[in-house]
Structures are given as C-alpha cells and as structure tokens.
C-alpha cells in the first residue's frame, strides 16, 4: 500500500509538473508573440510616419514649384490677351493645378495623368470652346498612342515581345487614333481661357485636358484588341503583357 501511495504521488507530481510546464510554455509563447507583434507594429507605425512626413515634404515642394511656374506662365498668357470667364478660377490657380497633375506619379513612378491642349477660334465662346475641346481630345488620343507605342518598343528592347508582333500592334495603334479619341470617357478640363480676336470680333479659346493614364491604357487596349481581332491577329496576351495587365 505504501509503495502504491508513493507511486501514485509520483504520478500526480509528474502530471502537475507537466501541466505547469505546458501552461508556462504557452504563456511564454504568447508573451513572445506579443513582443514581436508590438515590435512589428512599432516599426510599421514608424515607417508610416516617415512615409507621411516624406509625402508632406514632397507635396510642399511640388506646391512651391507649381505656384512659381504657374505665376510665371499666367503673366505670360495675360500679356498675350488671355483671360478667364467671370466666376472661373483665376488663370494662375488653373495653371497651378496643371503643374501639380503633371508632376503626380503612380506607385510605379509613372505619370498619373496624360495631358493635352488645343485652341480654336469661333464666332462665339461656346462654339470656340467645343471645337477646342474636340481638338484637345484628338491630341490626347495622339498622346495615348505615343505612350502605348513607347511601351511596345520597350518590350521589344527587353525581348518580351517579338519585333514582328510589336510592329503589328504599333501599326494598329497608329491606325486607331480616331477610335481612341471617340472612346475617351469624361476628361478633366484643367485650363480654360479665351481672348478676343480683334480683327473680326471672334473668340479664341484655349483648353488643357487631363486624363487618367491607367484609364487611357484600358480604353486603348480594348480598341486595339477589337481591331486586332478584325485583322485576325491573335495577339491579346502579348498586348496585355506589354501593357502590364
């Protein structure tokens, strides 16, 4: 009986020690996890603060550069007789926005917006404005063409696309300018000003449009794919790869 009691006592003692060891091990693991999580959180917060500070500094610098350039160009345009309609933003503020949008970059440091401008003369303001906007859209489509052609050329240089395939795509891009222009959605008019044409009393309107580079690539890709299909060219995958889709 005494031996059994001693044996039972050892067994109980063993399980108590084992249970205590297991609990302590779990507590230590949780504690270590909390320490690691706190360190990561602290590091993340520190990195976020650094990024925020950097963004603020960059934004301040960009604003300063834009304001300086905008003021200079606004004076130049004013001397040439350009003015804004009553109630519109001052020309300097409009140009300020233009410069800021031109300097904006996406996460890959590519231009966030494609810009285009045009000016047109009409018998009245509305007619001249409509004509200028249509011409600016055509110029915008040309800028989109050039952007995509440059991307295609780059894929050839990096040996990601064969020269023959690239030539077919670029040829299709060049032939799709009108279709791309017609497919553009809502454009942003960032500059709108006018001046009187003294000879005949007509109005001359100058506009600058902005369009999302990413949206432009999507719209152009759809048009180009449709045109390639009409030619019986199965280059969809190569086009997607080249444009990063």
C-alpha atoms as a PDB file:
ATOM      1  CA  UNK A   1       0.000   0.000   0.000  1.00  0.00           C
ATOM      2  CA  UNK A   2       2.809   2.378   0.911  1.00  0.00           C
ATOM      3  CA  UNK A   3       4.537   1.629  -2.360  1.00  0.00           C
ATOM      4  CA  UNK A   4       1.299   2.299  -4.274  1.00  0.00           C
ATOM      5  CA  UNK A   5       0.847   5.620  -2.450  1.00  0.00           C
ATOM      6  CA  UNK A   6       4.400   6.662  -3.275  1.00  0.00           C
ATOM      7  CA  UNK A   7       3.891   5.615  -6.880  1.00  0.00           C
ATOM      8  CA  UNK A   8       0.583   7.459  -7.147  1.00  0.00           C
ATOM      9  CA  UNK A   9       2.200  10.514  -5.578  1.00  0.00           C
ATOM     10  CA  UNK A  10       4.984  10.481  -8.144  1.00  0.00           C
ATOM     11  CA  UNK A  11       2.481  10.154 -10.976  1.00  0.00           C
ATOM     12  CA  UNK A  12       0.404  13.065  -9.665  1.00  0.00           C
ATOM     13  CA  UNK A  13       3.556  15.102  -9.137  1.00  0.00           C
ATOM     14  CA  UNK A  14       4.653  14.324 -12.694  1.00  0.00           C
ATOM     15  CA  UNK A  15       1.329  15.446 -14.185  1.00  0.00           C
ATOM     16  CA  UNK A  16       1.318  18.602 -12.053  1.00  0.00           C
ATOM     17  CA  UNK A  17       4.816  19.464 -13.246  1.00  0.00           C
ATOM     18  CA  UNK A  18       3.889  18.628 -16.850  1.00  0.00           C
ATOM     19  CA  UNK A  19       0.717  20.771 -16.675  1.00  0.00           C
ATOM     20  CA  UNK A  20       2.684  23.631 -15.097  1.00  0.00           C
ATOM     21  CA  UNK A  21       5.406  23.371 -17.747  1.00  0.00           C
ATOM     22  CA  UNK A  22       2.815  23.326 -20.560  1.00  0.00           C
ATOM     23  CA  UNK A  23       0.992  26.365 -19.184  1.00  0.00           C
ATOM     24  CA  UNK A  24       4.227  28.289 -18.678  1.00  0.00           C
ATOM     25  CA  UNK A  25       5.388  27.381 -22.189  1.00  0.00           C
ATOM     26  CA  UNK A  26       2.144  28.702 -23.655  1.00  0.00           C
ATOM     27  CA  UNK A  27       2.411  31.887 -21.591  1.00  0.00           C
ATOM     28  CA  UNK A  28       5.979  32.396 -22.794  1.00  0.00           C
ATOM     29  CA  UNK A  29       4.930  31.809 -26.397  1.00  0.00           C
ATOM     30  CA  UNK A  30       2.082  34.303 -26.101  1.00  0.00           C
ATOM     31  CA  UNK A  31       4.402  36.812 -24.454  1.00  0.00           C
ATOM     32  CA  UNK A  32       6.986  36.416 -27.205  1.00  0.00           C
ATOM     33  CA  UNK A  33       4.281  36.767 -29.863  1.00  0.00           C
ATOM     34  CA  UNK A  34       3.054  39.957 -28.217  1.00  0.00           C
ATOM     35  CA  UNK A  35       6.598  41.332 -28.082  1.00  0.00           C
ATOM     36  CA  UNK A  36       7.176  40.528 -31.757  1.00  0.00           C
ATOM     37  CA  UNK A  37       3.797  41.974 -32.737  1.00  0.00           C
ATOM     38  CA  UNK A  38       4.489  45.121 -30.757  1.00  0.00           C
ATOM     39  CA  UNK A  39       7.880  45.473 -32.437  1.00  0.00           C
ATOM     40  CA  UNK A  40       6.373  44.999 -35.893  1.00  0.00           C
ATOM     41  CA  UNK A  41       3.565  47.414 -35.080  1.00  0.00           C
ATOM     42  CA  UNK A  42       6.051  49.959 -33.787  1.00  0.00           C
ATOM     43  CA  UNK A  43       8.189  49.508 -36.897  1.00  0.00           C
ATOM     44  CA  UNK A  44       5.139  49.800 -39.153  1.00  0.00           C
ATOM     45  CA  UNK A  45       3.958  52.923 -37.335  1.00  0.00           C
ATOM     46  CA  UNK A  46       7.444  54.398 -37.534  1.00  0.00           C
ATOM     47  CA  UNK A  47       7.647  53.622 -41.252  1.00  0.00           C
ATOM     48  CA  UNK A  48       4.185  55.054 -41.853  1.00  0.00           C
ATOM     49  CA  UNK A  49       5.153  58.249 -40.043  1.00  0.00           C
ATOM     50  CA  UNK A  50       8.310  58.513 -42.149  1.00  0.00           C
ATOM     51  CA  UNK A  51       6.356  57.969 -45.368  1.00  0.00           C
ATOM     52  CA  UNK A  52       3.732  60.512 -44.327  1.00  0.00           C
ATOM     53  CA  UNK A  53       6.409  63.070 -43.494  1.00  0.00           C
ATOM     54  CA  UNK A  54       8.110  62.408 -46.837  1.00  0.00           C
ATOM     55  CA  UNK A  55       4.832  62.786 -48.717  1.00  0.00           C
ATOM     56  CA  UNK A  56       4.075  66.041 -46.926  1.00  0.00           C
ATOM     57  CA  UNK A  57       7.549  67.368 -47.709  1.00  0.00           C
ATOM     58  CA  UNK A  58       7.224  66.348 -51.363  1.00  0.00           C
ATOM     59  CA  UNK A  59       3.760  67.874 -51.563  1.00  0.00           C
ATOM     60  CA  UNK A  60       5.012  71.133 -50.090  1.00  0.00           C
ATOM     61  CA  UNK A  61       7.910  71.205 -52.548  1.00  0.00           C
ATOM     62  CA  UNK A  62       5.646  70.395 -55.502  1.00  0.00           C
ATOM     63  CA  UNK A  63       3.195  73.109 -54.486  1.00  0.00           C
ATOM     64  CA  UNK A  64       6.001  75.645 -54.275  1.00  0.00           C
ATOM     65  CA  UNK A  65       7.362  74.663 -57.700  1.00  0.00           C
ATOM     66  CA  UNK A  66       3.900  74.615 -59.276  1.00  0.00           C
ATOM     67  CA  UNK A  67       2.944  78.002 -57.857  1.00  0.00           C
ATOM     68  CA  UNK A  68       6.132  79.597 -59.104  1.00  0.00           C
ATOM     69  CA  UNK A  69       5.803  78.138 -62.612  1.00  0.00           C
ATOM     70  CA  UNK A  70       2.059  78.856 -62.736  1.00  0.00           C
ATOM     71  CA  UNK A  71       2.522  82.506 -61.784  1.00  0.00           C
ATOM     72  CA  UNK A  72       5.178  82.942 -64.471  1.00  0.00           C
ATOM     73  CA  UNK A  73       3.039  81.364 -67.207  1.00  0.00           C
ATOM     74  CA  UNK A  74      -0.109  83.213 -66.092  1.00  0.00           C
ATOM     75  CA  UNK A  75       1.679  86.548 -66.546  1.00  0.00           C
ATOM     76  CA  UNK A  76       2.902  85.487 -69.975  1.00  0.00           C
ATOM     77  CA  UNK A  77      -0.594  84.464 -71.110  1.00  0.00           C
ATOM     78  CA  UNK A  78      -2.137  87.646 -69.691  1.00  0.00           C
ATOM     79  CA  UNK A  79       0.267  89.734 -71.783  1.00  0.00           C
ATOM     80  CA  UNK A  80      -0.932  87.800 -74.849  1.00  0.00           C
ATOM     81  CA  UNK A  81      -4.522  88.819 -74.066  1.00  0.00           C
ATOM     82  CA  UNK A  82      -5.773  85.577 -72.480  1.00  0.00           C
ATOM     83  CA  UNK A  83      -8.387  85.920 -69.724  1.00  0.00           C
ATOM     84  CA  UNK A  84     -10.902  83.752 -67.857  1.00  0.00           C
ATOM     85  CA  UNK A  85     -14.691  83.940 -67.818  1.00  0.00           C
ATOM     86  CA  UNK A  86     -16.399  85.619 -64.838  1.00  0.00           C
ATOM     87  CA  UNK A  87     -16.748  83.142 -61.971  1.00  0.00           C
ATOM     88  CA  UNK A  88     -13.986  80.850 -63.235  1.00  0.00           C
ATOM     89  CA  UNK A  89     -10.843  80.177 -61.240  1.00  0.00           C
ATOM     90  CA  UNK A  90      -8.035  82.710 -61.799  1.00  0.00           C
ATOM     91  CA  UNK A  91      -5.664  81.623 -64.543  1.00  0.00           C
ATOM     92  CA  UNK A  92      -2.806  81.235 -62.086  1.00  0.00           C
ATOM     93  CA  UNK A  93      -4.849  78.777 -59.985  1.00  0.00           C
ATOM     94  CA  UNK A  94      -5.846  76.797 -63.052  1.00  0.00           C
ATOM     95  CA  UNK A  95      -2.229  76.534 -64.167  1.00  0.00           C
ATOM     96  CA  UNK A  96      -1.223  75.592 -60.637  1.00  0.00           C
ATOM     97  CA  UNK A  97      -3.467  72.537 -60.931  1.00  0.00           C
ATOM     98  CA  UNK A  98      -1.978  71.700 -64.338  1.00  0.00           C
ATOM     99  CA  UNK A  99       1.559  71.617 -62.976  1.00  0.00           C
ATOM    100  CA  UNK A 100       0.568  69.563 -59.932  1.00  0.00           C
ATOM    101  CA  UNK A 101      -1.198  66.970 -62.097  1.00  0.00           C
ATOM    102  CA  UNK A 102       1.765  66.815 -64.479  1.00  0.00           C
ATOM    103  CA  UNK A 103       4.047  66.001 -61.551  1.00  0.00           C
ATOM    104  CA  UNK A 104       1.778  63.377 -59.979  1.00  0.00           C
ATOM    105  CA  UNK A 105       3.102  59.808 -60.194  1.00  0.00           C
ATOM    106  CA  UNK A 106       1.529  56.424 -59.591  1.00  0.00           C
ATOM    107  CA  UNK A 107       3.003  53.678 -57.414  1.00  0.00           C
ATOM    108  CA  UNK A 108       5.419  52.793 -60.223  1.00  0.00           C
ATOM    109  CA  UNK A 109       6.536  56.419 -60.607  1.00  0.00           C
ATOM    110  CA  UNK A 110       4.860  56.726 -64.000  1.00  0.00           C
ATOM    111  CA  UNK A 111       2.845  59.870 -64.864  1.00  0.00           C
ATOM    112  CA  UNK A 112      -0.616  59.589 -63.325  1.00  0.00           C
ATOM    113  CA  UNK A 113      -2.221  61.791 -65.964  1.00  0.00           C
ATOM    114  CA  UNK A 114      -1.866  62.330 -69.690  1.00  0.00           C
ATOM    115  CA  UNK A 115      -2.234  65.986 -70.662  1.00  0.00           C
ATOM    116  CA  UNK A 116      -3.191  67.637 -73.952  1.00  0.00           C
ATOM    117  CA  UNK A 117      -4.134  71.139 -75.039  1.00  0.00           C
ATOM    118  CA  UNK A 118      -5.675  72.876 -78.020  1.00  0.00           C
ATOM    119  CA  UNK A 119      -7.039  76.255 -79.036  1.00  0.00           C
ATOM    120  CA  UNK A 120      -9.702  77.163 -81.535  1.00  0.00           C
ATOM    121  CA  UNK A 121     -11.441  80.250 -82.935  1.00  0.00           C
ATOM    122  CA  UNK A 122     -15.208  80.573 -83.301  1.00  0.00           C
ATOM    123  CA  UNK A 123     -17.884  83.173 -83.863  1.00  0.00           C
ATOM    124  CA  UNK A 124     -18.818  82.878 -80.185  1.00  0.00           C
ATOM    125  CA  UNK A 125     -17.340  81.491 -76.992  1.00  0.00           C
ATOM    126  CA  UNK A 126     -19.326  78.246 -76.883  1.00  0.00           C
ATOM    127  CA  UNK A 127     -18.525  77.309 -80.470  1.00  0.00           C
ATOM    128  CA  UNK A 128     -14.817  78.030 -79.990  1.00  0.00           C
ATOM    129  CA  UNK A 129     -14.770  76.068 -76.721  1.00  0.00           C
ATOM    130  CA  UNK A 130     -16.473  72.997 -78.218  1.00  0.00           C
ATOM    131  CA  UNK A 131     -14.050  72.998 -81.140  1.00  0.00           C
ATOM    132  CA  UNK A 132     -11.039  73.397 -78.833  1.00  0.00           C
ATOM    133  CA  UNK A 133     -12.183  70.505 -76.608  1.00  0.00           C
ATOM    134  CA  UNK A 134     -12.680  68.179 -79.591  1.00  0.00           C
ATOM    135  CA  UNK A 135      -9.243  69.071 -80.929  1.00  0.00           C
ATOM    136  CA  UNK A 136      -7.708  68.577 -77.462  1.00  0.00           C
ATOM    137  CA  UNK A 137      -9.301  65.119 -77.281  1.00  0.00           C
ATOM    138  CA  UNK A 138      -7.713  64.263 -80.633  1.00  0.00           C
ATOM    139  CA  UNK A 139      -4.364  65.463 -79.288  1.00  0.00           C
ATOM    140  CA  UNK A 140      -4.995  63.416 -76.140  1.00  0.00           C
ATOM    141  CA  UNK A 141      -5.566  60.319 -78.270  1.00  0.00           C
ATOM    142  CA  UNK A 142      -2.272  61.069 -80.018  1.00  0.00           C
ATOM    143  CA  UNK A 143      -0.521  61.265 -76.657  1.00  0.00           C
ATOM    144  CA  UNK A 144      -2.068  57.918 -75.674  1.00  0.00           C
ATOM    145  CA  UNK A 145      -0.863  56.451 -78.978  1.00  0.00           C
ATOM    146  CA  UNK A 146       2.672  57.630 -78.306  1.00  0.00           C
ATOM    147  CA  UNK A 147       2.553  56.275 -74.743  1.00  0.00           C
ATOM    148  CA  UNK A 148       1.471  52.801 -75.854  1.00  0.00           C
ATOM    149  CA  UNK A 149       3.885  52.732 -78.811  1.00  0.00           C
ATOM    150  CA  UNK A 150       6.734  53.558 -76.415  1.00  0.00           C
ATOM    151  CA  UNK A 151       5.648  50.722 -74.106  1.00  0.00           C
ATOM    152  CA  UNK A 152       5.553  48.273 -77.040  1.00  0.00           C
ATOM    153  CA  UNK A 153       9.007  49.391 -78.208  1.00  0.00           C
ATOM    154  CA  UNK A 154      10.306  48.875 -74.678  1.00  0.00           C
ATOM    155  CA  UNK A 155       9.009  45.296 -74.577  1.00  0.00           C
ATOM    156  CA  UNK A 156      10.890  44.592 -77.806  1.00  0.00           C
ATOM    157  CA  UNK A 157      14.079  46.076 -76.320  1.00  0.00           C
ATOM    158  CA  UNK A 158      13.626  43.869 -73.261  1.00  0.00           C
ATOM    159  CA  UNK A 159      12.942  40.850 -75.510  1.00  0.00           C
ATOM    160  CA  UNK A 160       9.458  40.364 -74.028  1.00  0.00           C
ATOM    161  CA  UNK A 161       7.791  40.701 -77.408  1.00  0.00           C
ATOM    162  CA  UNK A 162       8.906  39.712 -80.897  1.00  0.00           C
ATOM    163  CA  UNK A 163       9.593  42.516 -83.367  1.00  0.00           C
ATOM    164  CA  UNK A 164       7.003  41.247 -85.846  1.00  0.00           C
ATOM    165  CA  UNK A 165       4.256  41.094 -83.243  1.00  0.00           C
ATOM    166  CA  UNK A 166       5.211  44.518 -81.947  1.00  0.00           C
ATOM    167  CA  UNK A 167       5.101  46.007 -85.443  1.00  0.00           C
ATOM    168  CA  UNK A 168       1.565  44.697 -85.962  1.00  0.00           C
ATOM    169  CA  UNK A 169       0.389  46.111 -82.635  1.00  0.00           C
ATOM    170  CA  UNK A 170       2.038  49.502 -83.194  1.00  0.00           C
ATOM    171  CA  UNK A 171       0.553  49.675 -86.706  1.00  0.00           C
ATOM    172  CA  UNK A 172      -2.880  49.003 -85.206  1.00  0.00           C
ATOM    173  CA  UNK A 173      -2.288  51.612 -82.506  1.00  0.00           C
ATOM    174  CA  UNK A 174      -1.365  54.240 -85.109  1.00  0.00           C
ATOM    175  CA  UNK A 175      -4.494  53.462 -87.116  1.00  0.00           C
ATOM    176  CA  UNK A 176      -6.791  53.700 -84.071  1.00  0.00           C
ATOM    177  CA  UNK A 177      -6.329  57.363 -83.151  1.00  0.00           C
ATOM    178  CA  UNK A 178      -9.880  58.400 -84.072  1.00  0.00           C
ATOM    179  CA  UNK A 179     -11.399  55.372 -82.330  1.00  0.00           C
ATOM    180  CA  UNK A 180      -9.362  56.028 -79.188  1.00  0.00           C
ATOM    181  CA  UNK A 181     -10.462  59.676 -79.214  1.00  0.00           C
ATOM    182  CA  UNK A 182     -14.113  58.640 -79.530  1.00  0.00           C
ATOM    183  CA  UNK A 183     -13.799  56.064 -76.736  1.00  0.00           C
ATOM    184  CA  UNK A 184     -12.458  58.510 -74.161  1.00  0.00           C
ATOM    185  CA  UNK A 185     -14.736  58.972 -71.196  1.00  0.00           C
ATOM    186  CA  UNK A 186     -15.023  62.086 -69.084  1.00  0.00           C
ATOM    187  CA  UNK A 187     -11.942  64.255 -69.458  1.00  0.00           C
ATOM    188  CA  UNK A 188     -10.868  66.876 -66.924  1.00  0.00           C
ATOM    189  CA  UNK A 189     -10.669  70.419 -68.246  1.00  0.00           C
ATOM    190  CA  UNK A 190      -7.930  71.884 -66.078  1.00  0.00           C
ATOM    191  CA  UNK A 191      -7.391  75.098 -68.031  1.00  0.00           C
ATOM    192  CA  UNK A 192      -9.970  77.176 -69.888  1.00  0.00           C
ATOM    193  CA  UNK A 193      -9.325  80.724 -71.031  1.00  0.00           C
ATOM    194  CA  UNK A 194     -10.111  82.934 -74.002  1.00  0.00           C
ATOM    195  CA  UNK A 195      -9.167  86.112 -75.814  1.00  0.00           C
ATOM    196  CA  UNK A 196     -10.859  88.393 -78.319  1.00  0.00           C
ATOM    197  CA  UNK A 197      -9.793  88.274 -81.930  1.00  0.00           C
ATOM    198  CA  UNK A 198      -9.727  91.996 -82.701  1.00  0.00           C
ATOM    199  CA  UNK A 199      -9.881  91.651 -86.493  1.00  0.00           C
ATOM    200  CA  UNK A 200     -13.368  90.148 -86.657  1.00  0.00           C
ATOM    201  CA  UNK A 201     -14.674  90.032 -83.081  1.00  0.00           C
ATOM    202  CA  UNK A 202     -14.444  86.234 -82.850  1.00  0.00           C
ATOM    203  CA  UNK A 203     -13.387  84.394 -79.702  1.00  0.00           C
ATOM    204  CA  UNK A 204     -10.320  82.210 -79.358  1.00  0.00           C
ATOM    205  CA  UNK A 205     -10.482  79.578 -76.606  1.00  0.00           C
ATOM    206  CA  UNK A 206      -7.583  77.637 -75.099  1.00  0.00           C
ATOM    207  CA  UNK A 207      -8.215  74.446 -73.141  1.00  0.00           C
ATOM    208  CA  UNK A 208      -5.991  71.880 -71.438  1.00  0.00           C
ATOM    209  CA  UNK A 209      -7.365  68.439 -70.725  1.00  0.00           C
ATOM    210  CA  UNK A 210      -6.183  65.747 -68.329  1.00  0.00           C
ATOM    211  CA  UNK A 211      -6.970  62.050 -68.460  1.00  0.00           C
ATOM    212  CA  UNK A 212      -6.031  59.163 -66.194  1.00  0.00           C
ATOM    213  CA  UNK A 213      -3.101  57.253 -67.714  1.00  0.00           C
ATOM    214  CA  UNK A 214      -4.439  53.957 -66.367  1.00  0.00           C
ATOM    215  CA  UNK A 215      -7.948  54.577 -67.752  1.00  0.00           C
ATOM    216  CA  UNK A 216      -6.439  55.648 -71.062  1.00  0.00           C
ATOM    217  CA  UNK A 217      -4.451  52.409 -71.310  1.00  0.00           C
ATOM    218  CA  UNK A 218      -7.584  50.378 -70.550  1.00  0.00           C
ATOM    219  CA  UNK A 219      -9.646  52.206 -73.179  1.00  0.00           C
ATOM    220  CA  UNK A 220      -6.901  51.964 -75.800  1.00  0.00           C
ATOM    221  CA  UNK A 221      -6.312  48.289 -75.033  1.00  0.00           C
ATOM    222  CA  UNK A 222      -9.964  47.490 -75.697  1.00  0.00           C
ATOM    223  CA  UNK A 223      -9.947  49.370 -79.012  1.00  0.00           C
ATOM    224  CA  UNK A 224      -6.669  47.800 -80.149  1.00  0.00           C
ATOM    225  CA  UNK A 225      -7.836  44.300 -79.228  1.00  0.00           C
ATOM    226  CA  UNK A 226     -11.009  44.753 -81.273  1.00  0.00           C
ATOM    227  CA  UNK A 227      -9.008  45.999 -84.253  1.00  0.00           C
ATOM    228  CA  UNK A 228      -6.555  43.102 -83.973  1.00  0.00           C
ATOM    229  CA  UNK A 229      -9.463  40.663 -83.937  1.00  0.00           C
ATOM    230  CA  UNK A 230     -10.808  42.228 -87.143  1.00  0.00           C
ATOM    231  CA  UNK A 231      -7.418  41.568 -88.735  1.00  0.00           C
ATOM    232  CA  UNK A 232      -7.489  38.001 -87.470  1.00  0.00           C
ATOM    233  CA  UNK A 233      -4.450  38.636 -85.281  1.00  0.00           C
ATOM    234  CA  UNK A 234      -4.386  36.705 -82.010  1.00  0.00           C
ATOM    235  CA  UNK A 235      -2.061  38.982 -80.039  1.00  0.00           C
ATOM    236  CA  UNK A 236      -4.256  39.614 -76.996  1.00  0.00           C
ATOM    237  CA  UNK A 237      -1.949  38.001 -74.482  1.00  0.00           C
ATOM    238  CA  UNK A 238       1.105  39.795 -75.836  1.00  0.00           C
ATOM    239  CA  UNK A 239      -0.736  43.126 -75.717  1.00  0.00           C
ATOM    240  CA  UNK A 240      -1.878  42.531 -72.136  1.00  0.00           C
ATOM    241  CA  UNK A 241       1.633  41.568 -71.113  1.00  0.00           C
ATOM    242  CA  UNK A 242       3.125  44.644 -72.750  1.00  0.00           C
ATOM    243  CA  UNK A 243       0.631  46.999 -71.094  1.00  0.00           C
ATOM    244  CA  UNK A 244       1.032  45.333 -67.706  1.00  0.00           C
ATOM    245  CA  UNK A 245      -2.479  43.840 -67.443  1.00  0.00           C
END
